[in-house]
């Protein structure tokens, strides 16, 4: 059975470095030795021939851009590659009907597996937020973005929930800081 931590499968092997270098060079269209969000977006696919949502790409670059220059170098790319392939395995494991997308019930199963206990009303809201095609489903990039945002906001909430009651009292600006601290 797969092990899940913070929403993604930890069991994938790290790919061969030569393979990754070849992929990196193909994605680095301007040969700058750094990949921009636009370059990465053109290299990623939802399995539908549609490019990844640029917000998801920026979110992922923000997570792996260790020197905070807005791009990723080869080592950052290698870590991001593993992250995306781990998410892909996770996504496929919850896409029970093999449709290439996650419906509300599959999302609920995924988030419940990750430890979240949320209302049906919340799942309807999440579906409307991340259903880019308007079909009542979430594609791979939306699934990553959804899970990363929920995890990031949960961690921020936990830092403020000092007695672990599931309730916090914060000011408006502190709330805005929590929301806008999501790296993108």
Protein backbone atom coordinates (compact mmCIF):
# COMPACT_ATOMS: atom_id res chain seq x y z
CA UNK A 1 0.00 0.00 0.00
CA UNK A 2 1.25 3.50 -0.81
CA UNK A 3 2.57 5.76 1.93
CA UNK A 4 1.20 9.30 1.88
CA UNK A 5 2.71 12.32 3.54
CA UNK A 6 1.36 15.81 2.94
CA UNK A 7 -0.60 14.52 -0.01
CA UNK A 8 1.95 12.90 -2.24
CA UNK A 9 3.34 9.43 -2.73
CA UNK A 10 6.84 9.02 -1.29
CA UNK A 11 7.66 5.67 -2.94
CA UNK A 12 8.84 6.79 -6.40
CA UNK A 13 12.50 6.20 -7.27
CA UNK A 14 14.67 9.17 -8.25
CA UNK A 15 15.16 9.06 -12.06
CA UNK A 16 18.58 8.81 -13.68
CA UNK A 17 20.43 12.15 -13.57
CA UNK A 18 21.40 11.94 -17.26
CA UNK A 19 17.74 11.49 -18.19
CA UNK A 20 16.79 14.50 -16.05
CA UNK A 21 19.60 16.60 -17.55
CA UNK A 22 18.30 15.78 -21.04
CA UNK A 23 14.76 16.77 -20.03
CA UNK A 24 16.04 19.92 -18.33
CA UNK A 25 17.91 20.99 -21.46
CA UNK A 26 14.82 20.42 -23.64
CA UNK A 27 12.64 22.46 -21.27
CA UNK A 28 15.23 25.27 -20.96
CA UNK A 29 14.25 26.75 -24.33
CA UNK A 30 16.37 29.89 -23.99
CA UNK A 31 19.47 27.94 -22.81
CA UNK A 32 19.82 30.14 -19.72
CA UNK A 33 20.53 27.18 -17.40
CA UNK A 34 17.33 28.12 -15.55
CA UNK A 35 13.71 27.24 -16.24
CA UNK A 36 11.01 29.90 -16.11
CA UNK A 37 7.34 29.32 -15.31
CA UNK A 38 6.48 29.69 -19.01
CA UNK A 39 9.11 27.13 -20.05
CA UNK A 40 7.96 24.69 -17.38
CA UNK A 41 4.31 25.18 -18.30
CA UNK A 42 5.04 24.24 -21.91
CA UNK A 43 6.69 21.02 -20.74
CA UNK A 44 3.95 19.84 -18.38
CA UNK A 45 0.74 18.19 -19.49
CA UNK A 46 -2.49 17.24 -17.79
CA UNK A 47 -2.71 14.16 -19.97
CA UNK A 48 -5.19 16.10 -22.10
CA UNK A 49 -2.67 17.94 -24.31
CA UNK A 50 -3.63 21.08 -22.41
CA UNK A 51 -0.83 22.96 -20.65
CA UNK A 52 -0.71 23.14 -16.86
CA UNK A 53 -2.45 26.07 -15.23
CA UNK A 54 0.19 28.82 -14.92
CA UNK A 55 -0.83 29.41 -11.27
CA UNK A 56 0.01 25.77 -10.45
CA UNK A 57 3.34 26.09 -12.27
CA UNK A 58 4.21 29.27 -10.37
CA UNK A 59 3.18 27.64 -7.09
CA UNK A 60 5.51 24.69 -7.77
CA UNK A 61 8.40 26.91 -8.88
CA UNK A 62 7.91 28.95 -5.70
CA UNK A 63 8.19 25.75 -3.66
CA UNK A 64 11.47 24.64 -5.27
CA UNK A 65 13.16 27.96 -6.11
CA UNK A 66 15.68 27.91 -3.24
CA UNK A 67 17.54 31.06 -4.32
CA UNK A 68 14.23 32.97 -4.84
CA UNK A 69 15.10 34.25 -8.33
CA UNK A 70 11.82 33.15 -9.94
CA UNK A 71 13.36 30.29 -11.91
CA UNK A 72 14.62 26.79 -11.13
CA UNK A 73 18.10 25.46 -11.83
CA UNK A 74 18.88 21.82 -12.61
CA UNK A 75 19.01 20.66 -8.97
CA UNK A 76 15.75 22.44 -8.17
CA UNK A 77 14.25 20.94 -11.34
CA UNK A 78 15.29 17.42 -10.27
CA UNK A 79 13.48 17.88 -6.94
CA UNK A 80 10.42 19.31 -8.71
CA UNK A 81 10.43 16.39 -11.19
CA UNK A 82 10.27 13.89 -8.35
CA UNK A 83 7.53 15.92 -6.69
CA UNK A 84 5.40 15.97 -9.86
CA UNK A 85 5.89 12.25 -10.54
CA UNK A 86 4.97 11.45 -6.92
CA UNK A 87 1.82 13.57 -7.30
CA UNK A 88 1.04 11.81 -10.58
CA UNK A 89 1.09 8.43 -8.82
CA UNK A 90 -1.12 9.80 -6.06
CA UNK A 91 -3.53 11.32 -8.58
CA UNK A 92 -3.81 8.05 -10.48
CA UNK A 93 -4.45 6.09 -7.30
CA UNK A 94 -7.49 8.27 -6.51
CA UNK A 95 -8.75 8.50 -10.09
CA UNK A 96 -10.75 5.29 -9.56
CA UNK A 97 -12.55 5.39 -12.91
CA UNK A 98 -9.31 6.18 -14.84
CA UNK A 99 -10.98 9.21 -16.42
CA UNK A 100 -7.88 11.40 -16.15
CA UNK A 101 -9.67 13.67 -13.71
CA UNK A 102 -10.87 13.63 -10.11
CA UNK A 103 -14.55 13.98 -9.30
CA UNK A 104 -15.96 15.19 -5.96
CA UNK A 105 -16.13 11.71 -4.42
CA UNK A 106 -12.57 10.90 -5.51
CA UNK A 107 -11.37 14.23 -4.09
CA UNK A 108 -13.16 13.54 -0.83
CA UNK A 109 -11.51 10.11 -0.64
CA UNK A 110 -8.09 11.64 -1.35
CA UNK A 111 -8.35 14.43 1.21
CA UNK A 112 -9.83 12.08 3.82
CA UNK A 113 -6.87 9.73 3.21
CA UNK A 114 -4.55 12.72 3.78
CA UNK A 115 -6.25 13.31 7.15
CA UNK A 116 -8.69 16.10 6.33
CA UNK A 117 -12.27 15.91 7.60
CA UNK A 118 -14.27 18.49 5.67
CA UNK A 119 -17.94 19.14 4.92
CA UNK A 120 -19.72 18.32 1.67
CA UNK A 121 -20.31 22.06 1.26
CA UNK A 122 -16.54 22.63 1.37
CA UNK A 123 -15.96 19.95 -1.28
CA UNK A 124 -18.50 21.68 -3.54
CA UNK A 125 -16.61 24.95 -3.09
CA UNK A 126 -13.25 23.30 -3.83
CA UNK A 127 -14.66 21.64 -6.93
CA UNK A 128 -15.96 24.95 -8.26
CA UNK A 129 -12.61 26.63 -7.55
CA UNK A 130 -10.40 24.02 -9.26
CA UNK A 131 -12.69 22.69 -12.01
CA UNK A 132 -11.06 24.56 -14.89
CA UNK A 133 -13.06 22.77 -17.60
CA UNK A 134 -16.49 23.22 -15.98
CA UNK A 135 -17.23 19.47 -16.04
CA UNK A 136 -17.49 18.79 -12.32
CA UNK A 137 -13.98 17.32 -12.22
CA UNK A 138 -10.45 18.47 -11.41
CA UNK A 139 -7.52 17.82 -13.75
CA UNK A 140 -4.06 16.83 -12.54
CA UNK A 141 -2.69 20.38 -12.22
CA UNK A 142 -5.77 21.53 -10.32
CA UNK A 143 -5.43 18.55 -7.98
CA UNK A 144 -1.83 19.49 -7.17
CA UNK A 145 -2.76 23.14 -6.65
CA UNK A 146 -5.76 22.25 -4.49
CA UNK A 147 -3.81 19.86 -2.26
CA UNK A 148 -0.82 22.19 -1.88
CA UNK A 149 -3.02 25.16 -0.96
CA UNK A 150 -5.04 23.14 1.55
CA UNK A 151 -1.83 21.79 3.09
CA UNK A 152 -0.18 25.23 3.23
CA UNK A 153 -3.22 26.89 4.78
CA UNK A 154 -3.59 24.00 7.24
CA UNK A 155 0.02 24.39 8.36
CA UNK A 156 -0.48 28.12 8.78
CA UNK A 157 -3.67 27.47 10.77
CA UNK A 158 -1.85 24.95 12.98
CA UNK A 159 0.86 27.46 13.82
CA UNK A 160 -1.90 29.68 15.24
CA UNK A 161 -3.84 26.84 16.92
CA UNK A 162 -1.55 26.67 19.94
CA UNK A 163 -3.82 24.43 22.02
CA UNK A 164 -4.80 22.25 19.02
CA UNK A 165 -8.53 22.83 19.46
CA UNK A 166 -9.31 23.34 15.79
CA UNK A 167 -10.22 26.97 16.50
CA UNK A 168 -8.14 30.12 16.27
CA UNK A 169 -8.72 33.78 16.97
CA UNK A 170 -6.80 36.05 14.64
CA UNK A 171 -7.07 39.55 13.35
CA UNK A 172 -8.00 40.43 9.79
CA UNK A 173 -4.45 41.33 8.76
CA UNK A 174 -3.11 38.10 10.27
CA UNK A 175 -5.72 36.17 8.25
CA UNK A 176 -4.67 37.99 5.06
CA UNK A 177 -1.03 37.25 5.85
CA UNK A 178 -1.86 33.54 6.15
CA UNK A 179 -3.61 33.54 2.77
CA UNK A 180 -1.09 35.67 0.91
CA UNK A 181 1.89 33.78 2.32
CA UNK A 182 1.19 30.96 -0.12
CA UNK A 183 4.20 31.10 -2.44
CA UNK A 184 3.39 31.50 -6.09
